[in-house]
Amino acid sequence: MGINFHRRFFCFFLAALLFLPLVSTSHSKTQKDNPNLDQRVRNFLDSHRRSWRDMNVSEMDGKILYDLIIKNNYKRALEIGTSTGHSGIWIAWALSKTGGKLITIEINEWRHREALSNFEEAGLSDYIDARLGDAHELVPKLQGPLDFVFSDADKGWYKNYLIAVLPKLEVGGCFTAHNVSGRRQYGIGEFLDYLESLPNMETTIDRSSWSGISISYKKSEK
């Protein structure tokens, strides 16, 4: 009987060892590696590093957005205010690794066209649904669910954007907003006061760049 017990234990132990690599491999594939795309995006960003105008974010801000998506494995992202696409490229690059996609909205037709060209050159068009229109009208009509939002449009409407998307934001999702370092800026104080009044939102402000990015996680539905 003792021999049978030891045999069964040995078989179980051997099966566990064989199973472990399968678990490890499966987990490693939750984020996708695409070296060719990575190199194409890096080349694009390097070649355009000093050419971003038209209210685009800084490289540091782009990296903050990228890291948030990678860290939390977000997949359903919304950007309010595309400009010519710098932030969208960082967001979509991260989403290319998590298996996600970005909806980005821009009201200005020239900036929208420039962004489309930049997305194509960077090799990220497949990960971006770029829409031309008024975010005041388009954002409330979005179906959701969303797990990541970046607001970088008219500051006086930040609070309204938050109200519109919050019911569609999943628990654990993140609402970020650009240029919040000064509460006296039109709309920013009202937006931050409202955020801080919500018991289900946990907000910090990343001040590693001059612009300031608010980072708000949805902890529960209410």
C-alpha atoms as a PDB file:
ATOM      1  CA  MET A   1       0.000   0.000   0.000  1.00  0.00           C
ATOM      2  CA  GLY A   2       2.851   2.371   0.831  1.00  0.00           C
ATOM      3  CA  ILE A   3       4.427   1.715  -2.581  1.00  0.00           C
ATOM      4  CA  ASN A   4       1.164   2.529  -4.371  1.00  0.00           C
ATOM      5  CA  PHE A   5       0.872   5.759  -2.417  1.00  0.00           C
ATOM      6  CA  HIS A   6       4.393   6.810  -3.403  1.00  0.00           C
ATOM      7  CA  ARG A   7       3.731   5.918  -7.028  1.00  0.00           C
ATOM      8  CA  ARG A   8       0.544   8.007  -7.075  1.00  0.00           C
ATOM      9  CA  PHE A   9       2.368  10.919  -5.437  1.00  0.00           C
ATOM     10  CA  PHE A  10       5.207  10.679  -7.974  1.00  0.00           C
ATOM     11  CA  CYS A  11       2.731  10.647 -10.898  1.00  0.00           C
ATOM     12  CA  PHE A  12       0.920  13.661  -9.473  1.00  0.00           C
ATOM     13  CA  PHE A  13       4.193  15.525  -8.939  1.00  0.00           C
ATOM     14  CA  LEU A  14       5.346  14.730 -12.499  1.00  0.00           C
ATOM     15  CA  ALA A  15       2.019  15.922 -13.970  1.00  0.00           C
ATOM     16  CA  ALA A  16       2.282  19.161 -11.993  1.00  0.00           C
ATOM     17  CA  LEU A  17       5.770  19.793 -13.362  1.00  0.00           C
ATOM     18  CA  LEU A  18       4.570  19.202 -16.907  1.00  0.00           C
ATOM     19  CA  PHE A  19       1.579  21.512 -16.400  1.00  0.00           C
ATOM     20  CA  LEU A  20       3.523  24.452 -14.989  1.00  0.00           C
ATOM     21  CA  PRO A  21       5.134  25.492 -18.310  1.00  0.00           C
ATOM     22  CA  LEU A  22       1.674  25.515 -19.903  1.00  0.00           C
ATOM     23  CA  VAL A  23       0.377  27.909 -17.264  1.00  0.00           C
ATOM     24  CA  SER A  24       3.425  30.147 -17.581  1.00  0.00           C
ATOM     25  CA  THR A  25       3.223  30.232 -21.377  1.00  0.00           C
ATOM     26  CA  SER A  26      -0.488  31.041 -21.354  1.00  0.00           C
ATOM     27  CA  HIS A  27       0.048  33.950 -18.933  1.00  0.00           C
ATOM     28  CA  SER A  28       2.927  35.358 -20.987  1.00  0.00           C
ATOM     29  CA  LYS A  29       0.679  35.584 -24.025  1.00  0.00           C
ATOM     30  CA  THR A  30      -1.882  37.884 -22.376  1.00  0.00           C
ATOM     31  CA  GLN A  31       0.158  40.725 -23.876  1.00  0.00           C
ATOM     32  CA  LYS A  32       1.273  40.390 -27.459  1.00  0.00           C
ATOM     33  CA  ASP A  33       4.774  41.038 -28.723  1.00  0.00           C
ATOM     34  CA  ASN A  34       5.194  42.380 -32.250  1.00  0.00           C
ATOM     35  CA  PRO A  35       8.843  43.354 -32.724  1.00  0.00           C
ATOM     36  CA  ASN A  36       8.303  44.631 -36.268  1.00  0.00           C
ATOM     37  CA  LEU A  37       5.492  46.947 -35.195  1.00  0.00           C
ATOM     38  CA  ASP A  38       7.438  48.088 -32.132  1.00  0.00           C
ATOM     39  CA  GLN A  39      10.395  49.054 -34.304  1.00  0.00           C
ATOM     40  CA  ARG A  40       8.138  50.866 -36.789  1.00  0.00           C
ATOM     41  CA  VAL A  41       6.483  52.887 -34.014  1.00  0.00           C
ATOM     42  CA  ARG A  42       9.832  53.730 -32.409  1.00  0.00           C
ATOM     43  CA  ASN A  43      11.226  54.871 -35.757  1.00  0.00           C
ATOM     44  CA  PHE A  44       8.172  57.034 -36.333  1.00  0.00           C
ATOM     45  CA  LEU A  45       8.331  58.638 -32.889  1.00  0.00           C
ATOM     46  CA  ASP A  46      12.084  59.242 -33.199  1.00  0.00           C
ATOM     47  CA  SER A  47      11.712  60.903 -36.592  1.00  0.00           C
ATOM     48  CA  HIS A  48       8.859  63.149 -35.404  1.00  0.00           C
ATOM     49  CA  ARG A  49      10.132  63.932 -31.920  1.00  0.00           C
ATOM     50  CA  ARG A  50      10.574  67.673 -32.534  1.00  0.00           C
ATOM     51  CA  SER A  51       7.668  68.204 -34.916  1.00  0.00           C
ATOM     52  CA  TRP A  52       4.597  67.900 -32.671  1.00  0.00           C
ATOM     53  CA  ARG A  53       2.520  71.062 -32.544  1.00  0.00           C
ATOM     54  CA  ASP A  54      -1.243  71.766 -32.454  1.00  0.00           C
ATOM     55  CA  MET A  55      -1.771  71.043 -28.761  1.00  0.00           C
ATOM     56  CA  ASN A  56      -0.237  67.560 -28.789  1.00  0.00           C
ATOM     57  CA  VAL A  57       1.011  65.978 -25.591  1.00  0.00           C
ATOM     58  CA  SER A  58       4.675  65.723 -24.687  1.00  0.00           C
ATOM     59  CA  GLU A  59       6.653  62.508 -25.036  1.00  0.00           C
ATOM     60  CA  MET A  60       6.670  62.118 -21.248  1.00  0.00           C
ATOM     61  CA  ASP A  61       2.875  62.411 -21.134  1.00  0.00           C
ATOM     62  CA  GLY A  62       2.595  59.842 -23.912  1.00  0.00           C
ATOM     63  CA  LYS A  63       4.712  57.406 -21.916  1.00  0.00           C
ATOM     64  CA  ILE A  64       2.477  57.890 -18.864  1.00  0.00           C
ATOM     65  CA  LEU A  65      -0.598  56.915 -20.891  1.00  0.00           C
ATOM     66  CA  TYR A  66       1.239  53.956 -22.442  1.00  0.00           C
ATOM     67  CA  ASP A  67       2.354  52.654 -19.053  1.00  0.00           C
ATOM     68  CA  LEU A  68      -1.135  52.942 -17.540  1.00  0.00           C
ATOM     69  CA  ILE A  69      -2.632  50.802 -20.305  1.00  0.00           C
ATOM     70  CA  ILE A  70       0.114  48.174 -20.176  1.00  0.00           C
ATOM     71  CA  LYS A  71       0.062  47.990 -16.371  1.00  0.00           C
ATOM     72  CA  ASN A  72      -3.718  47.496 -16.186  1.00  0.00           C
ATOM     73  CA  ASN A  73      -4.117  45.509 -19.420  1.00  0.00           C
ATOM     74  CA  TYR A  74      -6.765  47.905 -20.721  1.00  0.00           C
ATOM     75  CA  LYS A  75      -8.404  47.122 -24.060  1.00  0.00           C
ATOM     76  CA  ARG A  76     -11.288  49.544 -24.730  1.00  0.00           C
ATOM     77  CA  ALA A  77      -9.962  53.090 -24.843  1.00  0.00           C
ATOM     78  CA  LEU A  78     -11.447  56.474 -25.688  1.00  0.00           C
ATOM     79  CA  GLU A  79      -9.514  59.646 -26.464  1.00  0.00           C
ATOM     80  CA  ILE A  80     -11.361  62.957 -26.497  1.00  0.00           C
ATOM     81  CA  GLY A  81      -9.286  65.347 -28.588  1.00  0.00           C
ATOM     82  CA  THR A  82      -7.045  63.635 -31.155  1.00  0.00           C
ATOM     83  CA  SER A  83      -5.125  66.696 -32.364  1.00  0.00           C
ATOM     84  CA  THR A  84      -2.678  65.303 -34.943  1.00  0.00           C
ATOM     85  CA  GLY A  85      -2.220  62.009 -33.161  1.00  0.00           C
ATOM     86  CA  HIS A  86       0.769  62.015 -30.809  1.00  0.00           C
ATOM     87  CA  SER A  87      -1.139  60.807 -27.733  1.00  0.00           C
ATOM     88  CA  GLY A  88      -3.215  58.443 -29.857  1.00  0.00           C
ATOM     89  CA  ILE A  89      -0.044  56.763 -31.104  1.00  0.00           C
ATOM     90  CA  TRP A  90       1.174  56.096 -27.560  1.00  0.00           C
ATOM     91  CA  ILE A  91      -2.257  54.803 -26.523  1.00  0.00           C
ATOM     92  CA  ALA A  92      -2.713  52.613 -29.605  1.00  0.00           C
ATOM     93  CA  TRP A  93       0.834  51.256 -29.310  1.00  0.00           C
ATOM     94  CA  ALA A  94      -0.002  50.019 -25.814  1.00  0.00           C
ATOM     95  CA  LEU A  95      -3.335  48.628 -27.026  1.00  0.00           C
ATOM     96  CA  SER A  96      -1.540  46.693 -29.777  1.00  0.00           C
ATOM     97  CA  LYS A  97       0.044  44.689 -26.949  1.00  0.00           C
ATOM     98  CA  THR A  98      -3.116  44.159 -24.874  1.00  0.00           C
ATOM     99  CA  GLY A  99      -5.317  43.281 -27.849  1.00  0.00           C
ATOM    100  CA  GLY A 100      -7.377  46.438 -27.598  1.00  0.00           C
ATOM    101  CA  LYS A 101      -8.545  49.323 -29.741  1.00  0.00           C
ATOM    102  CA  LEU A 102      -8.824  53.097 -29.434  1.00  0.00           C
ATOM    103  CA  ILE A 103     -11.721  55.363 -30.373  1.00  0.00           C
ATOM    104  CA  THR A 104     -10.413  58.911 -30.801  1.00  0.00           C
ATOM    105  CA  ILE A 105     -12.483  62.001 -31.583  1.00  0.00           C
ATOM    106  CA  GLU A 106     -11.354  65.258 -33.231  1.00  0.00           C
ATOM    107  CA  ILE A 107     -13.527  68.206 -34.287  1.00  0.00           C
ATOM    108  CA  ASN A 108     -11.017  69.896 -36.597  1.00  0.00           C
ATOM    109  CA  GLU A 109     -10.920  68.356 -40.079  1.00  0.00           C
ATOM    110  CA  TRP A 110      -7.314  69.321 -40.861  1.00  0.00           C
ATOM    111  CA  ARG A 111      -6.011  67.853 -37.583  1.00  0.00           C
ATOM    112  CA  HIS A 112      -8.125  64.754 -38.145  1.00  0.00           C
ATOM    113  CA  ARG A 113      -6.572  64.191 -41.579  1.00  0.00           C
ATOM    114  CA  GLU A 114      -3.059  64.732 -40.229  1.00  0.00           C
ATOM    115  CA  ALA A 115      -3.742  62.238 -37.452  1.00  0.00           C
ATOM    116  CA  LEU A 116      -4.936  59.620 -39.944  1.00  0.00           C
ATOM    117  CA  SER A 117      -1.723  60.058 -41.922  1.00  0.00           C
ATOM    118  CA  ASN A 118       0.391  59.757 -38.769  1.00  0.00           C
ATOM    119  CA  PHE A 119      -1.454  56.651 -37.602  1.00  0.00           C
ATOM    120  CA  GLU A 120      -0.856  55.033 -40.979  1.00  0.00           C
ATOM    121  CA  GLU A 121       2.831  55.945 -41.034  1.00  0.00           C
ATOM    122  CA  ALA A 122       3.303  54.584 -37.522  1.00  0.00           C
ATOM    123  CA  GLY A 123       1.615  51.306 -38.513  1.00  0.00           C
ATOM    124  CA  LEU A 124      -1.176  51.637 -35.940  1.00  0.00           C
ATOM    125  CA  SER A 125      -4.266  52.284 -38.074  1.00  0.00           C
ATOM    126  CA  ASP A 126      -5.693  48.831 -37.339  1.00  0.00           C
ATOM    127  CA  TYR A 127      -5.831  49.684 -33.635  1.00  0.00           C
ATOM    128  CA  ILE A 128      -7.564  53.061 -34.027  1.00  0.00           C
ATOM    129  CA  ASP A 129     -11.102  54.142 -34.863  1.00  0.00           C
ATOM    130  CA  ALA A 130     -10.562  57.859 -35.603  1.00  0.00           C
ATOM    131  CA  ARG A 131     -13.784  59.870 -35.760  1.00  0.00           C
ATOM    132  CA  LEU A 132     -14.319  63.393 -37.046  1.00  0.00           C
ATOM    133  CA  GLY A 133     -16.978  65.281 -35.135  1.00  0.00           C
ATOM    134  CA  ASP A 134     -18.029  67.258 -32.075  1.00  0.00           C
ATOM    135  CA  ALA A 135     -17.181  65.351 -28.904  1.00  0.00           C
ATOM    136  CA  HIS A 136     -19.999  67.192 -27.092  1.00  0.00           C
ATOM    137  CA  GLU A 137     -22.379  65.194 -29.286  1.00  0.00           C
ATOM    138  CA  LEU A 138     -20.412  62.008 -29.958  1.00  0.00           C
ATOM    139  CA  VAL A 139     -19.217  61.106 -26.449  1.00  0.00           C
ATOM    140  CA  PRO A 140     -22.688  60.771 -24.856  1.00  0.00           C
ATOM    141  CA  LYS A 141     -23.751  58.501 -27.750  1.00  0.00           C
ATOM    142  CA  LEU A 142     -20.910  55.996 -27.308  1.00  0.00           C
ATOM    143  CA  GLN A 143     -22.130  52.572 -26.269  1.00  0.00           C
ATOM    144  CA  GLY A 144     -19.271  51.356 -24.092  1.00  0.00           C
ATOM    145  CA  PRO A 145     -18.064  49.584 -22.122  1.00  0.00           C
ATOM    146  CA  LEU A 146     -14.776  51.469 -21.758  1.00  0.00           C
ATOM    147  CA  ASP A 147     -11.838  50.804 -19.475  1.00  0.00           C
ATOM    148  CA  PHE A 148      -9.555  53.749 -20.320  1.00  0.00           C
ATOM    149  CA  VAL A 149     -10.367  57.369 -21.180  1.00  0.00           C
ATOM    150  CA  PHE A 150      -8.017  60.244 -21.985  1.00  0.00           C
ATOM    151  CA  SER A 151      -9.604  63.697 -22.085  1.00  0.00           C
ATOM    152  CA  ASP A 152      -7.591  66.397 -23.855  1.00  0.00           C
ATOM    153  CA  ALA A 153     -10.198  68.607 -25.517  1.00  0.00           C
ATOM    154  CA  ASP A 154     -11.929  71.771 -24.282  1.00  0.00           C
ATOM    155  CA  LYS A 155     -11.143  72.109 -20.573  1.00  0.00           C
ATOM    156  CA  GLY A 156     -14.472  73.757 -19.760  1.00  0.00           C
ATOM    157  CA  TRP A 157     -16.206  70.535 -20.794  1.00  0.00           C
ATOM    158  CA  TYR A 158     -14.046  68.088 -18.809  1.00  0.00           C
ATOM    159  CA  LYS A 159     -16.710  67.647 -16.124  1.00  0.00           C
ATOM    160  CA  ASN A 160     -19.369  66.967 -18.756  1.00  0.00           C
ATOM    161  CA  TYR A 161     -17.171  64.408 -20.506  1.00  0.00           C
ATOM    162  CA  LEU A 162     -16.630  62.629 -17.194  1.00  0.00           C
ATOM    163  CA  ILE A 163     -20.362  62.584 -16.434  1.00  0.00           C
ATOM    164  CA  ALA A 164     -21.073  61.196 -19.917  1.00  0.00           C
ATOM    165  CA  VAL A 165     -18.560  58.344 -19.803  1.00  0.00           C
ATOM    166  CA  LEU A 166     -18.578  57.374 -16.121  1.00  0.00           C
ATOM    167  CA  PRO A 167     -21.595  55.021 -16.409  1.00  0.00           C
ATOM    168  CA  LYS A 168     -19.811  53.306 -19.341  1.00  0.00           C
ATOM    169  CA  LEU A 169     -16.479  53.008 -17.540  1.00  0.00           C
ATOM    170  CA  GLU A 170     -15.894  49.571 -16.082  1.00  0.00           C
ATOM    171  CA  VAL A 171     -15.010  49.134 -12.427  1.00  0.00           C
ATOM    172  CA  GLY A 172     -11.215  49.157 -12.357  1.00  0.00           C
ATOM    173  CA  GLY A 173     -11.186  51.445 -15.399  1.00  0.00           C
ATOM    174  CA  CYS A 174      -9.330  54.730 -15.526  1.00  0.00           C
ATOM    175  CA  PHE A 175     -10.325  58.269 -16.548  1.00  0.00           C
ATOM    176  CA  THR A 176      -7.352  60.528 -17.275  1.00  0.00           C
ATOM    177  CA  ALA A 177      -7.317  64.213 -18.151  1.00  0.00           C
ATOM    178  CA  HIS A 178      -4.559  66.459 -19.509  1.00  0.00           C
ATOM    179  CA  ASN A 179      -3.437  69.942 -18.382  1.00  0.00           C
ATOM    180  CA  VAL A 180      -4.826  69.847 -14.856  1.00  0.00           C
ATOM    181  CA  SER A 181      -1.857  71.334 -13.002  1.00  0.00           C
ATOM    182  CA  GLY A 182      -3.610  74.669 -12.409  1.00  0.00           C
ATOM    183  CA  ARG A 183      -7.027  74.745 -10.732  1.00  0.00           C
ATOM    184  CA  ARG A 184      -7.479  78.357 -11.814  1.00  0.00           C
ATOM    185  CA  GLN A 185      -7.527  77.367 -15.473  1.00  0.00           C
ATOM    186  CA  TYR A 186     -11.052  77.625 -16.838  1.00  0.00           C
ATOM    187  CA  GLY A 187     -13.000  74.473 -16.072  1.00  0.00           C
ATOM    188  CA  ILE A 188     -10.180  72.601 -14.333  1.00  0.00           C
ATOM    189  CA  GLY A 189     -11.072  73.565 -10.763  1.00  0.00           C
ATOM    190  CA  GLU A 190     -14.715  72.600 -11.287  1.00  0.00           C
ATOM    191  CA  PHE A 191     -13.665  69.310 -12.868  1.00  0.00           C
ATOM    192  CA  LEU A 192     -11.266  68.371 -10.073  1.00  0.00           C
ATOM    193  CA  ASP A 193     -13.736  69.395  -7.352  1.00  0.00           C
ATOM    194  CA  TYR A 194     -16.355  67.169  -8.925  1.00  0.00           C
ATOM    195  CA  LEU A 195     -13.914  64.260  -9.237  1.00  0.00           C
ATOM    196  CA  GLU A 196     -12.927  64.569  -5.596  1.00  0.00           C
ATOM    197  CA  SER A 197     -16.588  64.542  -4.546  1.00  0.00           C
ATOM    198  CA  LEU A 198     -17.180  61.108  -6.094  1.00  0.00           C
ATOM    199  CA  PRO A 199     -16.774  58.370  -3.462  1.00  0.00           C
ATOM    200  CA  ASN A 200     -16.196  55.685  -6.090  1.00  0.00           C
ATOM    201  CA  MET A 201     -13.302  57.471  -7.804  1.00  0.00           C
ATOM    202  CA  GLU A 202      -9.720  57.461  -6.538  1.00  0.00           C
ATOM    203  CA  THR A 203      -7.767  60.355  -8.050  1.00  0.00           C
ATOM    204  CA  THR A 204      -4.109  61.326  -8.125  1.00  0.00           C
ATOM    205  CA  ILE A 205      -2.314  63.878 -10.291  1.00  0.00           C
ATOM    206  CA  ASP A 206       0.893  62.925 -12.052  1.00  0.00           C
ATOM    207  CA  ARG A 207       3.078  66.035 -12.014  1.00  0.00           C
ATOM    208  CA  SER A 208       6.146  64.451 -13.603  1.00  0.00           C
ATOM    209  CA  SER A 209       5.568  66.797 -16.552  1.00  0.00           C
ATOM    210  CA  TRP A 210       4.569  70.451 -16.506  1.00  0.00           C
ATOM    211  CA  SER A 211       1.043  69.781 -17.835  1.00  0.00           C
ATOM    212  CA  GLY A 212      -0.218  67.511 -15.073  1.00  0.00           C
ATOM    213  CA  ILE A 213      -2.371  64.469 -15.772  1.00  0.00           C
ATOM    214  CA  SER A 214      -5.202  63.465 -13.449  1.00  0.00           C
ATOM    215  CA  ILE A 215      -5.508  59.696 -13.057  1.00  0.00           C
ATOM    216  CA  SER A 216      -8.819  58.497 -11.645  1.00  0.00           C
ATOM    217  CA  TYR A 217      -9.648  54.839 -11.049  1.00  0.00           C
ATOM    218  CA  LYS A 218     -13.265  53.707 -10.753  1.00  0.00           C
ATOM    219  CA  LYS A 219     -13.364  51.634  -7.566  1.00  0.00           C
ATOM    220  CA  SER A 220     -17.066  50.715  -7.643  1.00  0.00           C
ATOM    221  CA  GLU A 221     -20.276  51.554  -9.488  1.00  0.00           C
ATOM    222  CA  LYS A 222     -21.408  54.036  -6.810  1.00  0.00           C
END
